[in-house]
Protein backbone atom coordinates (compact mmCIF):
# COMPACT_ATOMS: atom_id res chain seq x y z
CA MET A 1 -0.51 -0.28 0.03
CA GLN A 2 1.30 3.42 -0.98
CA GLY A 3 2.01 5.46 2.26
CA THR A 4 1.36 8.68 3.36
CA GLN A 5 4.37 10.95 2.84
CA PRO A 6 4.51 13.66 0.44
CA LEU A 7 6.04 12.08 -1.72
CA SER A 8 5.15 8.29 -1.31
CA GLY A 9 4.72 6.45 -5.09
CA ILE A 10 7.50 8.94 -6.56
CA LYS A 11 10.69 6.33 -8.17
CA VAL A 12 13.63 8.49 -8.40
CA LEU A 13 16.54 7.42 -10.77
CA ASP A 14 19.66 9.02 -9.07
CA PHE A 15 22.88 9.21 -11.10
CA THR A 16 24.24 11.62 -8.59
CA GLN A 17 27.46 11.91 -6.36
CA VAL A 18 29.54 14.15 -4.25
CA MET A 19 26.79 16.57 -2.46
CA MET A 20 24.57 19.12 -4.74
CA GLY A 21 22.54 15.91 -6.21
CA PRO A 22 22.88 13.53 -3.00
CA CYS A 23 21.37 16.26 -0.82
CA CYS A 24 18.77 16.63 -3.38
CA THR A 25 17.86 13.66 -3.87
CA GLN A 26 18.11 12.81 -0.02
CA LEU A 27 15.59 15.34 0.71
CA LEU A 28 12.88 13.73 -1.54
CA ALA A 29 13.86 10.78 -0.06
CA ASP A 30 13.52 11.85 3.29
CA TYR A 31 9.96 12.72 2.26
CA GLY A 32 8.55 9.37 0.86
CA ALA A 33 10.51 9.17 -2.57
CA ASP A 34 12.20 5.91 -3.52
CA VAL A 35 15.26 6.74 -4.71
CA ILE A 36 17.24 4.32 -6.34
CA LYS A 37 21.24 5.22 -6.74
CA ILE A 38 22.84 4.02 -9.74
CA GLU A 39 26.34 3.64 -9.08
CA ARG A 40 29.59 2.63 -11.25
CA PRO A 41 31.00 -1.26 -10.51
CA GLY A 42 33.59 -1.25 -7.70
CA VAL A 43 33.55 2.14 -6.99
CA GLY A 44 30.34 3.85 -6.28
CA ASP A 45 29.51 7.67 -5.13
CA LEU A 46 32.90 9.20 -4.84
CA SER A 47 31.90 10.32 -1.39
CA ARG A 48 32.22 6.58 -0.16
CA THR A 49 35.79 6.68 -0.69
CA SER A 50 35.97 10.41 0.36
CA LEU A 51 38.06 9.61 3.70
CA ALA A 52 41.48 7.58 3.64
CA ASP A 53 41.02 5.90 6.68
CA ASP A 54 37.54 3.90 5.58
CA PRO A 55 38.18 2.96 2.07
CA ASP A 56 34.64 0.67 1.82
CA GLY A 57 32.91 3.40 2.59
CA LEU A 58 30.57 1.87 5.20
CA ASN A 59 30.99 4.16 7.88
CA ASN A 60 32.16 7.20 5.95
CA PRO A 61 30.06 10.30 7.86
CA VAL A 62 30.43 12.42 4.60
CA PHE A 63 28.57 9.68 2.72
CA ARG A 64 26.32 8.66 5.19
CA SER A 65 24.92 12.56 5.47
CA LEU A 66 23.76 12.87 2.17
CA ASN A 67 22.29 8.96 1.45
CA ARG A 68 19.98 7.80 4.07
CA ASN A 69 16.89 6.76 2.65
CA LYS A 70 17.84 5.71 -0.64
CA ARG A 71 18.57 2.06 -2.56
CA SER A 72 21.82 1.15 -3.95
CA ILE A 73 22.48 -0.70 -7.33
CA THR A 74 25.77 -0.88 -9.78
CA LEU A 75 25.26 -0.74 -13.16
CA ASP A 76 28.34 -0.73 -16.08
CA THR A 77 26.07 1.65 -18.12
CA ARG A 78 28.43 1.48 -20.78
CA SER A 79 27.65 -1.90 -22.07
CA ASP A 80 24.13 -2.27 -24.19
CA ALA A 81 22.67 -5.03 -21.51
CA GLY A 82 23.46 -2.46 -18.43
CA LYS A 83 21.94 0.62 -20.93
CA GLU A 84 18.82 -1.42 -21.28
CA VAL A 85 18.19 -1.89 -17.37
CA VAL A 86 18.10 1.80 -17.08
CA TYR A 87 16.00 2.20 -19.73
CA ASP A 88 13.55 -0.69 -18.20
CA LEU A 89 13.58 1.38 -14.69
CA VAL A 90 12.57 4.59 -16.50
CA LYS A 91 9.75 2.92 -17.81
CA THR A 92 8.10 3.16 -14.38
CA ALA A 93 10.16 6.06 -13.05
CA ASP A 94 8.93 9.74 -12.44
CA VAL A 95 12.55 11.30 -12.15
CA VAL A 96 16.13 11.08 -13.45
CA VAL A 97 18.78 13.22 -11.64
CA ASN A 98 22.30 13.69 -12.45
CA ASN A 99 25.06 16.23 -11.84
CA PHE A 100 27.53 15.15 -14.97
CA ARG A 101 28.91 17.82 -17.16
CA ALA A 102 27.05 19.22 -19.92
CA GLY A 103 26.51 16.74 -22.50
CA VAL A 104 27.58 13.80 -20.29
CA MET A 105 23.89 12.18 -19.84
CA ASP A 106 23.50 12.61 -23.52
CA ARG A 107 26.91 10.74 -24.17
CA MET A 108 25.35 7.84 -22.17
CA GLY A 109 22.26 7.45 -23.99
CA PHE A 110 19.95 8.76 -20.90
CA GLY A 111 19.47 12.30 -22.46
CA TYR A 112 15.99 13.67 -22.12
CA ASP A 113 15.39 13.38 -25.63
CA LYS A 114 16.18 9.57 -25.62
CA LEU A 115 14.38 8.91 -22.21
CA LYS A 116 10.74 10.79 -22.75
CA THR A 117 10.48 8.28 -26.09
CA ILE A 118 10.51 5.73 -23.16
CA ASN A 119 8.35 7.50 -20.98
CA PRO A 120 6.88 10.87 -22.11
CA ARG A 121 6.26 11.28 -18.33
CA ILE A 122 9.42 11.41 -17.46
CA ILE A 123 11.60 14.47 -15.86
CA CYS A 124 14.95 14.85 -16.12
CA ALA A 125 16.72 17.33 -13.52
CA PHE A 126 20.00 18.46 -14.39
CA GLY A 127 22.68 19.89 -11.90
CA SER A 128 25.73 21.10 -12.93
CA GLY A 129 28.57 23.38 -12.30
CA PHE A 130 28.54 26.76 -14.59
CA GLY A 131 25.15 25.51 -17.11
CA GLN A 132 24.67 23.40 -20.24
CA THR A 133 25.87 26.69 -22.40
CA GLY A 134 27.99 29.80 -22.35
CA PRO A 135 31.82 29.80 -21.72
CA LEU A 136 32.51 28.35 -18.48
CA SER A 137 29.95 25.55 -19.28
CA HIS A 138 32.44 23.07 -19.92
CA LYS A 139 34.34 23.37 -16.56
CA GLY A 140 33.60 21.16 -13.89
CA GLY A 141 31.09 22.14 -11.18
CA GLN A 142 33.07 22.46 -7.85
CA ASP A 143 31.42 24.64 -4.92
CA ILE A 144 34.53 26.86 -4.09
CA LEU A 145 34.90 27.40 -7.60
CA ALA A 146 31.30 28.93 -8.02
CA GLN A 147 32.05 30.91 -4.78
CA ALA A 148 34.76 32.92 -6.83
CA THR A 149 33.05 32.96 -10.18
CA SER A 150 29.81 34.60 -8.61
CA GLY A 151 31.52 37.39 -6.38
CA VAL A 152 30.49 35.52 -3.18
CA MET A 153 34.24 35.28 -2.53
CA ALA A 154 35.25 38.77 -3.22
CA ARG A 155 32.22 40.39 -0.92
CA LYS A 156 34.13 40.64 2.90
CA PRO A 157 33.12 42.65 6.02
CA ASP A 158 36.50 44.70 5.46
CA PRO A 159 38.44 45.57 2.22
CA GLN A 160 41.85 44.87 4.45
CA LEU A 161 40.97 40.89 5.31
CA PRO A 162 42.09 38.50 2.61
CA THR A 163 39.92 37.22 0.31
CA THR A 164 39.33 33.44 1.39
CA LEU A 165 36.69 30.68 0.81
CA TYR A 166 33.93 30.07 3.03
CA SER A 167 34.40 26.21 4.58
CA THR A 168 31.10 24.94 4.22
CA ALA A 169 29.51 24.08 0.71
CA LEU A 170 27.28 26.70 0.19
CA ALA A 171 26.62 26.66 -3.48
CA ASP A 172 26.56 23.01 -3.31
CA TYR A 173 23.58 22.71 -0.80
CA SER A 174 21.94 25.54 -2.29
CA ALA A 175 21.58 24.29 -5.33
CA GLY A 176 21.07 20.99 -4.52
CA MET A 177 17.66 23.02 -2.93
CA HIS A 178 17.07 24.70 -5.78
CA MET A 179 17.26 21.38 -7.71
CA VAL A 180 14.55 19.88 -4.64
CA GLN A 181 11.90 23.06 -5.74
CA GLY A 182 12.44 22.51 -9.51
CA ILE A 183 11.69 18.55 -9.23
CA LEU A 184 8.56 19.97 -7.19
CA LEU A 185 7.40 21.97 -9.57
CA ALA A 186 8.00 19.78 -12.77
CA LEU A 187 5.90 17.33 -10.91
CA MET A 188 3.09 19.96 -10.19
CA GLN A 189 3.09 20.71 -13.75
CA ARG A 190 2.96 17.16 -14.73
CA GLU A 191 -0.36 16.77 -12.93
CA LYS A 192 -1.54 19.35 -15.33
CA THR A 193 -0.54 18.68 -18.30
CA GLY A 194 0.50 14.72 -17.96
CA VAL A 195 3.83 15.00 -19.58
CA GLY A 196 7.21 15.20 -17.81
CA GLN A 197 10.18 18.16 -18.90
CA SER A 198 13.92 18.68 -18.37
CA LEU A 199 14.76 21.08 -16.20
CA SER A 200 18.23 22.09 -14.84
CA VAL A 201 20.17 24.16 -12.24
CA SER A 202 23.78 25.45 -11.28
CA LEU A 203 26.07 26.30 -8.59
CA TYR A 204 26.83 29.55 -10.15
CA ASP A 205 23.25 30.66 -10.71
CA SER A 206 22.28 29.59 -7.23
CA MET A 207 25.39 31.94 -5.48
CA LEU A 208 23.55 34.63 -8.03
CA HIS A 209 20.35 33.79 -6.74
CA MET A 210 21.73 34.02 -3.61
CA GLN A 211 22.98 37.37 -3.90
CA MET A 212 19.60 39.04 -5.20
CA GLN A 213 19.77 41.99 -2.89
CA GLU A 214 23.63 42.60 -3.76
CA ALA A 215 22.93 41.82 -7.16
CA ALA A 216 19.76 44.29 -7.42
CA MET A 217 21.66 47.17 -6.02
CA TRP A 218 24.56 46.94 -7.67
CA LEU A 219 22.52 46.55 -11.36
CA ALA A 220 20.19 49.26 -10.20
CA ARG A 221 23.01 52.18 -8.63
CA ARG A 222 26.29 50.32 -9.17
CA LYS A 223 26.95 50.27 -5.52
CA GLU A 224 27.95 47.44 -2.95
CA LEU A 225 25.74 46.65 -0.50
CA ASN A 226 27.56 44.68 2.21
CA TRP A 227 25.14 43.66 5.24
CA GLY A 228 28.29 42.30 6.82
CA ALA A 229 30.39 45.60 6.31
CA PHE A 230 27.59 47.86 8.35
CA PRO A 231 29.50 49.79 10.99
CA LEU A 232 27.71 48.48 13.69
CA THR A 233 28.09 44.91 12.95
CA GLY A 234 30.59 42.70 13.70
CA VAL A 235 32.69 39.97 15.82
CA PHE A 236 34.34 41.07 18.94
CA GLU A 237 36.44 38.73 21.35
CA THR A 238 35.63 38.10 25.39
CA THR A 239 37.28 36.84 28.12
CA ASP A 240 36.30 33.39 26.97
CA GLY A 241 35.34 33.07 23.61
CA ALA A 242 33.54 35.59 21.06
CA LEU A 243 30.01 36.92 20.29
CA VAL A 244 28.37 38.80 17.35
CA ILE A 245 26.73 42.24 17.33
CA VAL A 246 23.82 43.33 14.33
CA GLY A 247 23.46 46.61 15.35
CA ALA A 248 20.63 47.24 12.99
CA PHE A 249 16.72 47.53 12.45
CA LYS A 250 16.36 50.13 15.31
CA ALA A 251 15.89 53.94 15.26
CA ASN A 252 19.29 54.12 17.27
CA PRO A 253 21.38 51.44 17.69
CA LEU A 254 24.53 53.24 18.34
CA GLN A 255 23.35 54.54 21.47
CA ASP A 256 21.84 51.01 22.73
CA ILE A 257 25.47 49.48 22.52
CA CYS A 258 27.06 52.08 24.22
CA LYS A 259 24.32 51.89 27.08
CA ALA A 260 24.90 48.16 27.06
CA LEU A 261 29.12 48.40 27.36
CA GLY A 262 29.12 51.21 29.42
CA LEU A 263 30.43 54.22 27.02
CA PRO A 264 28.99 57.38 26.69
CA ASP A 265 26.60 58.00 23.87
CA LEU A 266 28.60 58.13 20.85
CA SER A 267 25.63 58.94 18.84
CA ALA A 268 25.54 62.11 19.85
CA GLU A 269 29.05 63.35 18.81
CA PRO A 270 29.41 64.13 15.52
CA ASP A 271 31.70 61.61 14.13
CA TYR A 272 29.15 58.95 14.77
CA ALA A 273 26.05 60.94 14.41
CA THR A 274 24.81 59.35 11.18
CA PHE A 275 25.11 56.16 9.43
CA ALA A 276 27.05 57.87 6.70
CA LYS A 277 30.25 58.86 9.45
CA GLN A 278 29.97 55.75 11.51
CA ALA A 279 30.89 53.88 7.98
CA GLU A 280 33.32 56.40 7.66
CA ASN A 281 34.84 56.16 11.57
CA LYS A 282 33.97 52.36 11.50
CA ALA A 283 37.59 51.25 12.49
CA GLU A 284 37.31 53.82 16.00
CA LEU A 285 33.95 52.40 16.56
CA HIS A 286 35.29 48.74 16.75
CA LYS A 287 38.16 49.49 18.72
CA LEU A 288 36.17 51.10 21.36
CA PHE A 289 33.89 48.25 21.29
CA ARG A 290 36.47 45.75 21.15
CA SER A 291 38.26 47.24 24.22
CA LYS A 292 35.39 46.99 26.23
CA LEU A 293 33.98 43.39 24.97
CA SER A 294 37.80 42.28 26.25
CA THR A 295 37.03 42.78 29.63
CA ASN A 296 34.57 40.27 30.56
CA THR A 297 33.14 36.66 29.40
CA THR A 298 30.62 36.46 26.07
CA ALA A 299 27.83 35.24 28.55
CA HIS A 300 28.12 38.60 30.46
CA TRP A 301 28.31 40.96 27.68
CA LEU A 302 25.08 39.01 25.38
CA ALA A 303 23.23 39.68 28.67
CA LYS A 304 24.02 43.47 28.79
CA LEU A 305 23.21 43.44 25.13
CA GLU A 306 19.96 41.90 25.19
CA GLU A 307 18.78 44.26 27.78
CA GLN A 308 18.70 46.67 24.95
CA ASP A 309 17.22 44.51 22.56
CA LEU A 310 20.07 43.96 20.34
CA LEU A 311 20.56 41.37 17.76
CA CYS A 312 23.72 39.53 19.08
CA ALA A 313 24.73 35.85 19.88
CA PRO A 314 27.94 33.95 21.15
CA VAL A 315 30.08 32.37 18.15
CA GLN A 316 29.73 29.20 18.83
CA THR A 317 32.02 26.10 16.86
CA LEU A 318 29.78 23.15 15.23
CA GLY A 319 30.25 20.95 17.55
CA GLU A 320 28.80 23.25 20.70
CA ALA A 321 25.95 23.90 18.40
CA LEU A 322 25.23 20.61 18.09
CA GLU A 323 24.96 19.91 21.23
CA SER A 324 22.66 23.27 22.56
CA GLY A 325 19.54 23.24 24.11
CA GLN A 326 18.06 24.80 20.46
CA THR A 327 19.26 21.96 18.63
CA ALA A 328 17.71 19.20 20.75
CA ALA A 329 14.72 21.57 21.17
CA ASN A 330 14.23 21.49 17.31
CA LYS A 331 15.16 17.31 17.33
CA MET A 332 17.78 18.44 14.16
CA VAL A 333 20.15 15.48 15.58
CA ILE A 334 18.79 11.73 14.74
CA GLU A 335 20.03 8.29 15.47
CA LEU A 336 20.00 4.95 13.32
CA ASN A 337 21.45 2.03 14.24
CA SER A 338 24.08 3.90 16.75
CA MET A 339 24.52 6.59 13.68
CA LYS A 340 23.89 10.60 14.68
CA LEU A 341 22.83 12.79 11.54
CA VAL A 342 21.27 15.79 10.70
CA ASN A 343 17.50 16.13 10.58
CA SER A 344 15.35 17.54 8.19
CA PRO A 345 15.09 21.23 8.51
CA ILE A 346 11.33 21.00 7.23
CA THR A 347 9.16 20.51 9.98
CA MET A 348 5.40 19.00 8.64
CA GLY A 349 2.37 17.71 9.93
CA ALA A 350 2.75 13.83 11.88
CA GLY A 351 4.78 11.29 9.86
CA ALA A 352 5.95 13.76 6.76
CA PHE A 353 9.70 12.56 7.43
CA LYS A 354 10.85 9.18 8.22
CA LEU A 355 14.30 7.90 8.57
CA ARG A 356 12.99 4.60 6.61
CA HIS A 357 16.79 2.76 6.20
CA ALA A 358 20.27 3.66 6.98
CA PRO A 359 22.51 4.98 3.65
CA PRO A 360 22.85 1.43 1.50
CA GLY A 361 26.21 -0.40 1.07
CA LEU A 362 27.42 0.10 -2.54
CA ASN A 363 24.85 -2.41 -4.74
CA GLU A 364 22.73 -3.44 -1.32
CA HIS A 365 19.57 -3.68 -3.13
CA GLY A 366 21.19 -4.61 -6.75
CA GLY A 367 19.22 -7.56 -6.73
CA GLU A 368 16.12 -6.66 -5.10
CA VAL A 369 15.66 -3.66 -7.38
CA LEU A 370 16.49 -6.11 -10.60
CA LYS A 371 13.44 -8.65 -9.02
CA GLU A 372 10.79 -5.57 -8.96
CA LEU A 373 11.99 -5.07 -12.74
CA GLY A 374 10.34 -8.75 -13.20
CA TYR A 375 13.95 -10.18 -13.72
CA SER A 376 14.13 -13.64 -13.61
CA ALA A 377 16.44 -15.63 -11.38
CA ASP A 378 18.07 -16.65 -13.97
CA LYS A 379 18.55 -13.12 -16.34
CA ILE A 380 19.72 -11.84 -13.06
CA ALA A 381 22.61 -14.20 -12.79
CA GLU A 382 23.42 -13.99 -17.05
CA LEU A 383 23.77 -9.82 -15.90
CA ARG A 384 25.86 -10.95 -12.91
CA LYS A 385 28.12 -13.56 -14.97
CA ALA A 386 29.00 -10.30 -17.50
CA LYS A 387 29.80 -7.98 -14.92
CA VAL A 388 26.68 -5.51 -15.81
CA VAL A 389 25.71 -5.91 -12.49
CA ALA A 390 27.25 -7.10 -9.12
């Protein structure tokens, strides 16, 4: 009987690997889709072997973080027999997802023009680094490259700081979530038209879209908009750590910051009386803030700042965040078979998210998937002998 999750009954063929594609298909799987992960024989998803101390991938946290609720089958898709297995899967599938370079799926024989002749309702979702056309379309997609080329990496809270990369995969995650949105939109459109379609997202476009406010300012006025560079916003060290202050969304935030820190009202002085003046003298302002904040603990100063209803927070490590009371209250860490993972960030009605099974071993469900296609034991044995499947 079909389940009650939002995507129960939707079958996804997942050719993706590393992060952008797998984080997309995992979210689909979390909400009921039957995601069949098609992997290379003997190797599988590159994330399986991304850690040198875990060559078989069975306990690799990186792979596990992106592949729960999926089933795995290995296929030699270069062989005619392997292609036929994919075509048979496509007959009853709803979505095919890949994050290869532009043109690879067509060369493999799995492009949308081919697959729609097998199943007109099929939806093909393609995630790339830079798009399917244009001067960068030939380049391999990688998160840091997208940060660099999209303008994200060049934007800093202080121009004196060295240019550096952001250590979390912003582009991979945002593009993966955009691909989820595209797939859900295509499924809704199919309900109206009865036919599928192809759709694409790229790391590059997702990074540009993330900067929609900054881009609009530049396109309209050729001016930089940089929230992190605002004069009353910054990160400041205390005696036992650091905190962040966002001095905004108040009539006179500088006055309130000064009250919290025990400073005279600097907003009454000509050098700091306006936003423009505060920006011009930001270095001196921050020097005064640092001098005060370095004299006591993070907890002490957070209490003082919150008394003035200022936006502030401690700077926590990921470990501290994972162990915090807020993470526990939000139930953002889940456990399956002694394995801890980050939960879905989407809270819905009862039964929407389910942790149905652990991330799969390589080809763990190969025989199961082939039997569901109606392949006989003899046919499966023949495919295994020919090393089409493991």
